[in-house]
C-alpha atoms as a PDB file:
ATOM      1  CA  MET A   1     184.374 122.365  40.911  1.00  0.00           C
ATOM      2  CA  ASN A   2     182.250 124.123  38.656  1.00  0.00           C
ATOM      3  CA  LEU A   3     181.548 128.069  39.205  1.00  0.00           C
ATOM      4  CA  PHE A   4     177.474 127.436  40.074  1.00  0.00           C
ATOM      5  CA  THR A   5     178.398 123.743  41.691  1.00  0.00           C
ATOM      6  CA  ASP A   6     174.928 122.771  43.640  1.00  0.00           C
ATOM      7  CA  LYS A   7     173.220 126.502  43.449  1.00  0.00           C
ATOM      8  CA  VAL A   8     169.889 126.652  42.173  1.00  0.00           C
ATOM      9  CA  VAL A   9     169.277 129.089  39.624  1.00  0.00           C
ATOM     10  CA  VAL A  10     165.587 130.033  38.114  1.00  0.00           C
ATOM     11  CA  ILE A  11     165.396 131.533  34.648  1.00  0.00           C
ATOM     12  CA  THR A  12     162.575 133.023  33.261  1.00  0.00           C
ATOM     13  CA  GLY A  13     162.270 133.385  29.480  1.00  0.00           C
ATOM     14  CA  ALA A  14     164.713 130.300  28.962  1.00  0.00           C
ATOM     15  CA  GLY A  15     163.037 129.117  25.636  1.00  0.00           C
ATOM     16  CA  SER A  16     165.654 131.234  23.602  1.00  0.00           C
ATOM     17  CA  GLY A  17     167.574 133.921  23.247  1.00  0.00           C
ATOM     18  CA  ILE A  18     170.006 135.256  26.298  1.00  0.00           C
ATOM     19  CA  GLY A  19     167.347 132.901  28.651  1.00  0.00           C
ATOM     20  CA  CYS A  20     168.148 129.851  26.574  1.00  0.00           C
ATOM     21  CA  GLN A  21     172.055 130.358  26.222  1.00  0.00           C
ATOM     22  CA  ALA A  22     172.209 131.617  29.939  1.00  0.00           C
ATOM     23  CA  ALA A  23     170.266 128.104  30.871  1.00  0.00           C
ATOM     24  CA  ILE A  24     173.053 125.885  29.091  1.00  0.00           C
ATOM     25  CA  ASN A  25     176.120 127.576  30.214  1.00  0.00           C
ATOM     26  CA  PHE A  26     175.039 127.713  34.002  1.00  0.00           C
ATOM     27  CA  ALA A  27     174.176 124.295  33.687  1.00  0.00           C
ATOM     28  CA  LYS A  28     177.852 123.592  32.038  1.00  0.00           C
ATOM     29  CA  ASN A  29     179.069 125.418  35.386  1.00  0.00           C
ATOM     30  CA  GLY A  30     177.322 122.672  37.705  1.00  0.00           C
ATOM     31  CA  ALA A  31     174.523 124.556  38.556  1.00  0.00           C
ATOM     32  CA  ASN A  32     170.543 122.974  39.414  1.00  0.00           C
ATOM     33  CA  LEU A  33     168.168 124.373  37.012  1.00  0.00           C
ATOM     34  CA  VAL A  34     164.348 125.735  37.029  1.00  0.00           C
ATOM     35  CA  LEU A  35     163.687 126.953  33.674  1.00  0.00           C
ATOM     36  CA  ASN A  36     160.222 128.778  32.720  1.00  0.00           C
ATOM     37  CA  ASP A  37     158.881 130.034  29.150  1.00  0.00           C
ATOM     38  CA  ILE A  38     155.519 130.217  27.943  1.00  0.00           C
ATOM     39  CA  ASN A  39     156.486 128.269  25.223  1.00  0.00           C
ATOM     40  CA  ASP A  40     156.081 124.411  26.932  1.00  0.00           C
ATOM     41  CA  SER A  41     157.347 122.575  23.654  1.00  0.00           C
ATOM     42  CA  ARG A  42     160.054 124.587  23.048  1.00  0.00           C
ATOM     43  CA  LEU A  43     161.105 124.628  26.855  1.00  0.00           C
ATOM     44  CA  ARG A  44     161.060 120.631  27.323  1.00  0.00           C
ATOM     45  CA  GLU A  45     163.517 120.773  23.648  1.00  0.00           C
ATOM     46  CA  ILE A  46     165.773 122.735  25.750  1.00  0.00           C
ATOM     47  CA  THR A  47     165.292 120.828  28.714  1.00  0.00           C
ATOM     48  CA  LYS A  48     166.005 117.593  27.453  1.00  0.00           C
ATOM     49  CA  ASN A  49     168.794 118.871  25.744  1.00  0.00           C
ATOM     50  CA  ILE A  50     170.636 120.122  28.499  1.00  0.00           C
ATOM     51  CA  LYS A  51     170.174 117.291  30.858  1.00  0.00           C
ATOM     52  CA  SER A  52     173.381 116.116  28.926  1.00  0.00           C
ATOM     53  CA  PHE A  53     175.243 118.127  31.067  1.00  0.00           C
ATOM     54  CA  ASN A  54     174.370 115.782  34.502  1.00  0.00           C
ATOM     55  CA  THR A  55     172.666 118.605  36.591  1.00  0.00           C
ATOM     56  CA  ALA A  56     169.073 118.585  37.912  1.00  0.00           C
ATOM     57  CA  ILE A  57     166.924 120.307  35.616  1.00  0.00           C
ATOM     58  CA  ILE A  58     163.242 121.332  36.051  1.00  0.00           C
ATOM     59  CA  ALA A  59     160.767 122.410  32.834  1.00  0.00           C
ATOM     60  CA  ALA A  60     158.081 125.154  34.734  1.00  0.00           C
ATOM     61  CA  PRO A  61     156.164 126.554  31.382  1.00  0.00           C
ATOM     62  CA  GLY A  62     153.888 129.210  32.561  1.00  0.00           C
ATOM     63  CA  ASP A  63     152.731 132.947  31.876  1.00  0.00           C
ATOM     64  CA  ILE A  64     154.976 134.834  34.285  1.00  0.00           C
ATOM     65  CA  ALA A  65     152.769 137.991  33.300  1.00  0.00           C
ATOM     66  CA  ASN A  66     150.321 136.268  35.875  1.00  0.00           C
ATOM     67  CA  SER A  67     151.390 136.810  39.511  1.00  0.00           C
ATOM     68  CA  THR A  68     150.045 133.586  40.516  1.00  0.00           C
ATOM     69  CA  GLU A  69     151.830 131.922  38.027  1.00  0.00           C
ATOM     70  CA  CYS A  70     155.126 133.621  39.190  1.00  0.00           C
ATOM     71  CA  SER A  71     154.662 132.328  42.906  1.00  0.00           C
ATOM     72  CA  LYS A  72     154.078 128.583  41.597  1.00  0.00           C
ATOM     73  CA  LEU A  73     157.341 129.054  40.070  1.00  0.00           C
ATOM     74  CA  VAL A  74     159.037 129.623  43.187  1.00  0.00           C
ATOM     75  CA  GLU A  75     157.470 127.291  45.411  1.00  0.00           C
ATOM     76  CA  LEU A  76     158.253 124.662  42.410  1.00  0.00           C
ATOM     77  CA  ALA A  77     161.815 125.471  42.756  1.00  0.00           C
ATOM     78  CA  LEU A  78     161.760 125.310  46.512  1.00  0.00           C
ATOM     79  CA  GLU A  79     159.990 121.805  46.556  1.00  0.00           C
ATOM     80  CA  LYS A  80     162.344 120.858  44.606  1.00  0.00           C
ATOM     81  CA  PHE A  81     165.889 122.224  46.185  1.00  0.00           C
ATOM     82  CA  ASN A  82     164.463 123.404  48.899  1.00  0.00           C
ATOM     83  CA  LYS A  83     166.590 126.775  47.871  1.00  0.00           C
ATOM     84  CA  ILE A  84     167.151 129.398  45.637  1.00  0.00           C
ATOM     85  CA  ASP A  85     169.915 131.271  45.067  1.00  0.00           C
ATOM     86  CA  ILE A  86     169.905 132.839  41.753  1.00  0.00           C
ATOM     87  CA  LEU A  87     166.863 134.630  39.716  1.00  0.00           C
ATOM     88  CA  ILE A  88     167.585 135.520  36.523  1.00  0.00           C
ATOM     89  CA  ASN A  89     164.049 137.681  35.232  1.00  0.00           C
ATOM     90  CA  ASN A  90     164.546 137.614  31.670  1.00  0.00           C
ATOM     91  CA  ALA A  91     161.324 137.335  29.942  1.00  0.00           C
ATOM     92  CA  ALA A  92     160.000 139.341  27.686  1.00  0.00           C
ATOM     93  CA  VAL A  93     158.303 140.332  24.505  1.00  0.00           C
ATOM     94  CA  ALA A  94     159.276 143.590  21.960  1.00  0.00           C
ATOM     95  CA  PRO A  95     156.499 144.356  19.685  1.00  0.00           C
ATOM     96  CA  LEU A  96     156.978 146.395  16.763  1.00  0.00           C
ATOM     97  CA  THR A  97     157.673 149.381  16.567  1.00  0.00           C
ATOM     98  CA  ARG A  98     154.846 151.894  15.895  1.00  0.00           C
ATOM     99  CA  PRO A  99     153.770 155.358  17.105  1.00  0.00           C
ATOM    100  CA  LEU A 100     152.659 155.722  20.954  1.00  0.00           C
ATOM    101  CA  GLU A 101     149.226 156.931  19.361  1.00  0.00           C
ATOM    102  CA  LEU A 102     148.447 153.543  17.644  1.00  0.00           C
ATOM    103  CA  ILE A 103     149.111 151.884  20.696  1.00  0.00           C
ATOM    104  CA  ASP A 104     145.930 150.203  22.329  1.00  0.00           C
ATOM    105  CA  ASP A 105     145.001 149.757  25.436  1.00  0.00           C
ATOM    106  CA  GLU A 106     145.635 145.510  25.039  1.00  0.00           C
ATOM    107  CA  GLU A 107     148.942 146.150  23.632  1.00  0.00           C
ATOM    108  CA  TRP A 108     150.465 148.261  26.179  1.00  0.00           C
ATOM    109  CA  ASN A 109     149.320 146.353  29.372  1.00  0.00           C
ATOM    110  CA  SER A 110     150.030 143.004  27.865  1.00  0.00           C
ATOM    111  CA  THR A 111     153.791 144.395  27.378  1.00  0.00           C
ATOM    112  CA  ILE A 112     153.981 146.107  30.869  1.00  0.00           C
ATOM    113  CA  CYS A 113     152.587 142.990  32.255  1.00  0.00           C
ATOM    114  CA  ILE A 114     155.402 140.726  31.159  1.00  0.00           C
ATOM    115  CA  ASP A 115     157.877 142.742  30.485  1.00  0.00           C
ATOM    116  CA  LEU A 116     158.033 144.817  34.055  1.00  0.00           C
ATOM    117  CA  ASN A 117     155.043 143.520  36.107  1.00  0.00           C
ATOM    118  CA  SER A 118     157.076 139.796  36.089  1.00  0.00           C
ATOM    119  CA  VAL A 119     159.941 141.135  37.606  1.00  0.00           C
ATOM    120  CA  PHE A 120     158.283 142.725  40.156  1.00  0.00           C
ATOM    121  CA  TYR A 121     155.699 139.581  40.944  1.00  0.00           C
ATOM    122  CA  CYS A 122     159.245 136.852  40.840  1.00  0.00           C
ATOM    123  CA  MET A 123     161.110 138.892  42.809  1.00  0.00           C
ATOM    124  CA  ARG A 124     158.135 139.574  45.519  1.00  0.00           C
ATOM    125  CA  ALA A 125     157.626 135.853  45.405  1.00  0.00           C
ATOM    126  CA  VAL A 126     161.465 134.905  45.954  1.00  0.00           C
ATOM    127  CA  LEU A 127     162.761 137.383  47.778  1.00  0.00           C
ATOM    128  CA  PRO A 128     161.250 136.261  51.531  1.00  0.00           C
ATOM    129  CA  HIS A 129     163.383 133.016  51.184  1.00  0.00           C
ATOM    130  CA  MET A 130     166.115 135.297  50.296  1.00  0.00           C
ATOM    131  CA  LYS A 131     165.590 136.880  53.082  1.00  0.00           C
ATOM    132  CA  ALA A 132     165.169 134.060  55.292  1.00  0.00           C
ATOM    133  CA  ASN A 133     168.604 132.359  53.735  1.00  0.00           C
ATOM    134  CA  LYS A 134     170.525 135.465  54.033  1.00  0.00           C
ATOM    135  CA  TYR A 135     171.578 135.112  50.342  1.00  0.00           C
ATOM    136  CA  GLY A 136     170.518 136.116  47.238  1.00  0.00           C
ATOM    137  CA  LYS A 137     171.912 136.578  43.678  1.00  0.00           C
ATOM    138  CA  ILE A 138     169.266 138.541  41.223  1.00  0.00           C
ATOM    139  CA  ILE A 139     169.823 139.739  37.702  1.00  0.00           C
ATOM    140  CA  ASN A 140     167.321 141.598  36.142  1.00  0.00           C
ATOM    141  CA  VAL A 141     167.325 141.590  32.383  1.00  0.00           C
ATOM    142  CA  SER A 142     166.586 145.310  31.119  1.00  0.00           C
ATOM    143  CA  SER A 143     167.664 147.025  27.888  1.00  0.00           C
ATOM    144  CA  SER A 144     169.545 150.087  26.309  1.00  0.00           C
ATOM    145  CA  ALA A 145     165.977 151.475  25.661  1.00  0.00           C
ATOM    146  CA  GLY A 146     165.582 151.616  29.400  1.00  0.00           C
ATOM    147  CA  ARG A 147     168.146 154.273  29.424  1.00  0.00           C
ATOM    148  CA  SER A 148     167.373 155.897  26.592  1.00  0.00           C
ATOM    149  CA  ILE A 149     164.979 154.826  23.573  1.00  0.00           C
ATOM    150  CA  SER A 150     164.144 151.735  21.142  1.00  0.00           C
ATOM    151  CA  THR A 151     164.716 151.973  17.330  1.00  0.00           C
ATOM    152  CA  PHE A 152     163.445 148.341  17.138  1.00  0.00           C
ATOM    153  CA  ALA A 153     160.452 148.627  19.734  1.00  0.00           C
ATOM    154  CA  GLY A 154     157.703 150.745  20.823  1.00  0.00           C
ATOM    155  CA  ALA A 155     157.365 153.281  23.712  1.00  0.00           C
ATOM    156  CA  HIS A 156     155.598 150.362  25.922  1.00  0.00           C
ATOM    157  CA  TYR A 157     158.862 148.283  25.596  1.00  0.00           C
ATOM    158  CA  THR A 158     161.152 151.384  26.824  1.00  0.00           C
ATOM    159  CA  THR A 159     158.510 152.168  29.493  1.00  0.00           C
ATOM    160  CA  ALA A 160     158.985 148.680  30.638  1.00  0.00           C
ATOM    161  CA  LYS A 161     162.417 148.526  30.472  1.00  0.00           C
ATOM    162  CA  ALA A 162     163.277 152.048  32.542  1.00  0.00           C
ATOM    163  CA  GLY A 163     160.459 150.747  34.912  1.00  0.00           C
ATOM    164  CA  ILE A 164     163.158 147.670  35.750  1.00  0.00           C
ATOM    165  CA  LEU A 165     166.189 150.218  36.305  1.00  0.00           C
ATOM    166  CA  GLY A 166     164.481 151.947  38.840  1.00  0.00           C
ATOM    167  CA  LEU A 167     162.717 148.311  40.181  1.00  0.00           C
ATOM    168  CA  THR A 168     166.177 147.056  40.679  1.00  0.00           C
ATOM    169  CA  ARG A 169     167.574 150.120  42.661  1.00  0.00           C
ATOM    170  CA  HIS A 170     164.992 150.048  45.193  1.00  0.00           C
ATOM    171  CA  ALA A 171     164.753 146.777  45.828  1.00  0.00           C
ATOM    172  CA  ALA A 172     168.563 146.869  46.499  1.00  0.00           C
ATOM    173  CA  PHE A 173     168.366 149.550  48.948  1.00  0.00           C
ATOM    174  CA  GLU A 174     165.722 147.612  51.013  1.00  0.00           C
ATOM    175  CA  TYR A 175     166.983 144.203  50.875  1.00  0.00           C
ATOM    176  CA  ALA A 176     171.158 144.708  50.943  1.00  0.00           C
ATOM    177  CA  PRO A 177     171.293 144.258  54.583  1.00  0.00           C
ATOM    178  CA  TYR A 178     170.030 140.542  54.240  1.00  0.00           C
ATOM    179  CA  ASN A 179     173.115 139.730  51.763  1.00  0.00           C
ATOM    180  CA  ILE A 180     171.339 139.770  48.747  1.00  0.00           C
ATOM    181  CA  ASN A 181     172.547 141.505  45.431  1.00  0.00           C
ATOM    182  CA  ILE A 182     169.708 142.768  43.244  1.00  0.00           C
ATOM    183  CA  ASN A 183     171.717 144.071  39.645  1.00  0.00           C
ATOM    184  CA  ALA A 184     170.213 145.075  36.360  1.00  0.00           C
ATOM    185  CA  ILE A 185     171.762 144.816  32.924  1.00  0.00           C
ATOM    186  CA  ALA A 186     171.161 146.590  29.806  1.00  0.00           C
ATOM    187  CA  PRO A 187     171.674 144.888  26.652  1.00  0.00           C
ATOM    188  CA  GLY A 188     172.420 146.676  23.263  1.00  0.00           C
ATOM    189  CA  THR A 189     171.188 145.474  19.807  1.00  0.00           C
ATOM    190  CA  ILE A 190     171.906 141.461  20.968  1.00  0.00           C
ATOM    191  CA  ASP A 191     171.707 138.758  18.030  1.00  0.00           C
ATOM    192  CA  THR A 192     168.397 136.896  18.823  1.00  0.00           C
ATOM    193  CA  GLU A 193     165.606 135.349  17.765  1.00  0.00           C
ATOM    194  CA  LEU A 194     163.391 138.063  19.318  1.00  0.00           C
ATOM    195  CA  LEU A 195     165.880 140.835  17.730  1.00  0.00           C
ATOM    196  CA  ARG A 196     164.609 138.921  13.998  1.00  0.00           C
ATOM    197  CA  LYS A 197     160.918 138.878  14.734  1.00  0.00           C
ATOM    198  CA  SER A 198     161.405 142.724  15.621  1.00  0.00           C
ATOM    199  CA  ALA A 199     163.375 143.870  12.466  1.00  0.00           C
ATOM    200  CA  THR A 200     163.997 143.512   9.146  1.00  0.00           C
ATOM    201  CA  ALA A 201     167.730 142.090   7.961  1.00  0.00           C
ATOM    202  CA  GLU A 202     168.515 145.186   6.338  1.00  0.00           C
ATOM    203  CA  LYS A 203     167.525 147.100   9.288  1.00  0.00           C
ATOM    204  CA  ILE A 204     169.551 145.281  11.725  1.00  0.00           C
ATOM    205  CA  ASN A 205     172.559 144.829   9.292  1.00  0.00           C
ATOM    206  CA  MET A 206     171.585 148.629   9.396  1.00  0.00           C
ATOM    207  CA  GLU A 207     172.062 149.052  13.052  1.00  0.00           C
ATOM    208  CA  SER A 208     175.011 146.872  13.353  1.00  0.00           C
ATOM    209  CA  GLU A 209     176.947 149.302  11.182  1.00  0.00           C
ATOM    210  CA  LYS A 210     176.517 152.068  13.749  1.00  0.00           C
ATOM    211  CA  ILE A 211     177.653 150.120  17.101  1.00  0.00           C
ATOM    212  CA  PRO A 212     181.228 151.229  17.097  1.00  0.00           C
ATOM    213  CA  MET A 213     182.653 147.704  17.267  1.00  0.00           C
ATOM    214  CA  ARG A 214     181.014 147.396  14.561  1.00  0.00           C
ATOM    215  CA  ARG A 215     179.048 143.807  15.273  1.00  0.00           C
ATOM    216  CA  LEU A 216     175.811 142.955  17.182  1.00  0.00           C
ATOM    217  CA  GLY A 217     176.468 141.345  20.928  1.00  0.00           C
ATOM    218  CA  THR A 218     176.225 137.382  21.552  1.00  0.00           C
ATOM    219  CA  THR A 219     174.069 135.762  24.007  1.00  0.00           C
ATOM    220  CA  ASP A 220     177.219 134.571  25.508  1.00  0.00           C
ATOM    221  CA  ASP A 221     178.454 138.125  25.708  1.00  0.00           C
ATOM    222  CA  ILE A 222     175.479 138.277  27.848  1.00  0.00           C
ATOM    223  CA  TYR A 223     175.606 135.353  30.046  1.00  0.00           C
ATOM    224  CA  ASN A 224     179.435 136.145  30.776  1.00  0.00           C
ATOM    225  CA  LEU A 225     178.067 139.428  32.480  1.00  0.00           C
ATOM    226  CA  ILE A 226     175.356 137.662  33.961  1.00  0.00           C
ATOM    227  CA  SER A 227     177.937 134.827  35.239  1.00  0.00           C
ATOM    228  CA  PHE A 228     179.932 137.403  37.196  1.00  0.00           C
ATOM    229  CA  LEU A 229     176.895 139.524  39.055  1.00  0.00           C
ATOM    230  CA  ALA A 230     175.726 135.331  39.873  1.00  0.00           C
ATOM    231  CA  SER A 231     178.449 135.205  41.352  1.00  0.00           C
ATOM    232  CA  ASP A 232     180.343 135.677  44.779  1.00  0.00           C
ATOM    233  CA  GLN A 233     182.973 137.709  42.730  1.00  0.00           C
ATOM    234  CA  SER A 234     180.386 140.662  42.353  1.00  0.00           C
ATOM    235  CA  SER A 235     179.209 140.667  46.218  1.00  0.00           C
ATOM    236  CA  TYR A 236     179.342 144.597  46.756  1.00  0.00           C
ATOM    237  CA  ILE A 237     177.746 145.354  43.438  1.00  0.00           C
ATOM    238  CA  ASN A 238     174.469 146.168  44.356  1.00  0.00           C
ATOM    239  CA  GLY A 239     171.829 148.140  42.595  1.00  0.00           C
ATOM    240  CA  ALA A 240     173.901 148.819  39.555  1.00  0.00           C
ATOM    241  CA  THR A 241     172.796 148.808  36.271  1.00  0.00           C
ATOM    242  CA  ILE A 242     175.549 147.385  33.939  1.00  0.00           C
ATOM    243  CA  ASP A 243     175.493 148.220  30.027  1.00  0.00           C
ATOM    244  CA  ILE A 244     176.876 145.919  27.688  1.00  0.00           C
ATOM    245  CA  ASN A 245     176.215 147.332  24.622  1.00  0.00           C
ATOM    246  CA  GLY A 246     180.034 147.644  22.218  1.00  0.00           C
ATOM    247  CA  ALA A 247     180.072 151.503  23.069  1.00  0.00           C
ATOM    248  CA  ASP A 248     176.497 151.888  21.425  1.00  0.00           C
ATOM    249  CA  LEU A 249     174.897 154.258  23.901  1.00  0.00           C
ATOM    250  CA  LEU A 250     178.090 156.597  24.287  1.00  0.00           C
ATOM    251  CA  LEU A 251     177.064 157.792  20.832  1.00  0.00           C
END
């Protein structure tokens, strides 16, 4: 039996990068999936490709910076599968870095809404079900920026990713009595489409050389950690933030 056979996994930001790789690997391991992304065409293409693994998959395009869309996402999953076992809050944007004084209200609010508020909205929508079911795994994708700063994105991104860590700790404390594990991961520099949109190849290569392991992380590296936290092997880990950065944050 595969590790996640008959588990229902909801993934936000599944259209590319970490979310896409997680969707592929969860499907390979027998999970049923509800995939969200704001890019409808990309999401449907990915969903079509993943169906070859013979698991049930639903594409749920939408902007989860809107709390109503988050509620609809959870309702859709429950309507189709009657349960949600695992929620991966992964959707994010990383606007190009610029001095704080140049970040206008619109860019600030948009980044906070997508990178932080969506995590709260999705958790708020799914937790009553997990609480009633007395089971659930929530993995919130933060960033090394939440521990320190970002050299690729601005203060708004760093603020949102730091907020995820506090939200994760508090929620874990509240819902641990209901057998719900809520943890965060803090990836370092990961080779994704989002990264390559946020920085030049020269800057990416320069940053890669600064990492003690002398390479960027991969989306498979991140999935391996997500998979562990989503499995029952991590049943006593709760409220944690796990760094995955090639020892970069130690410097």
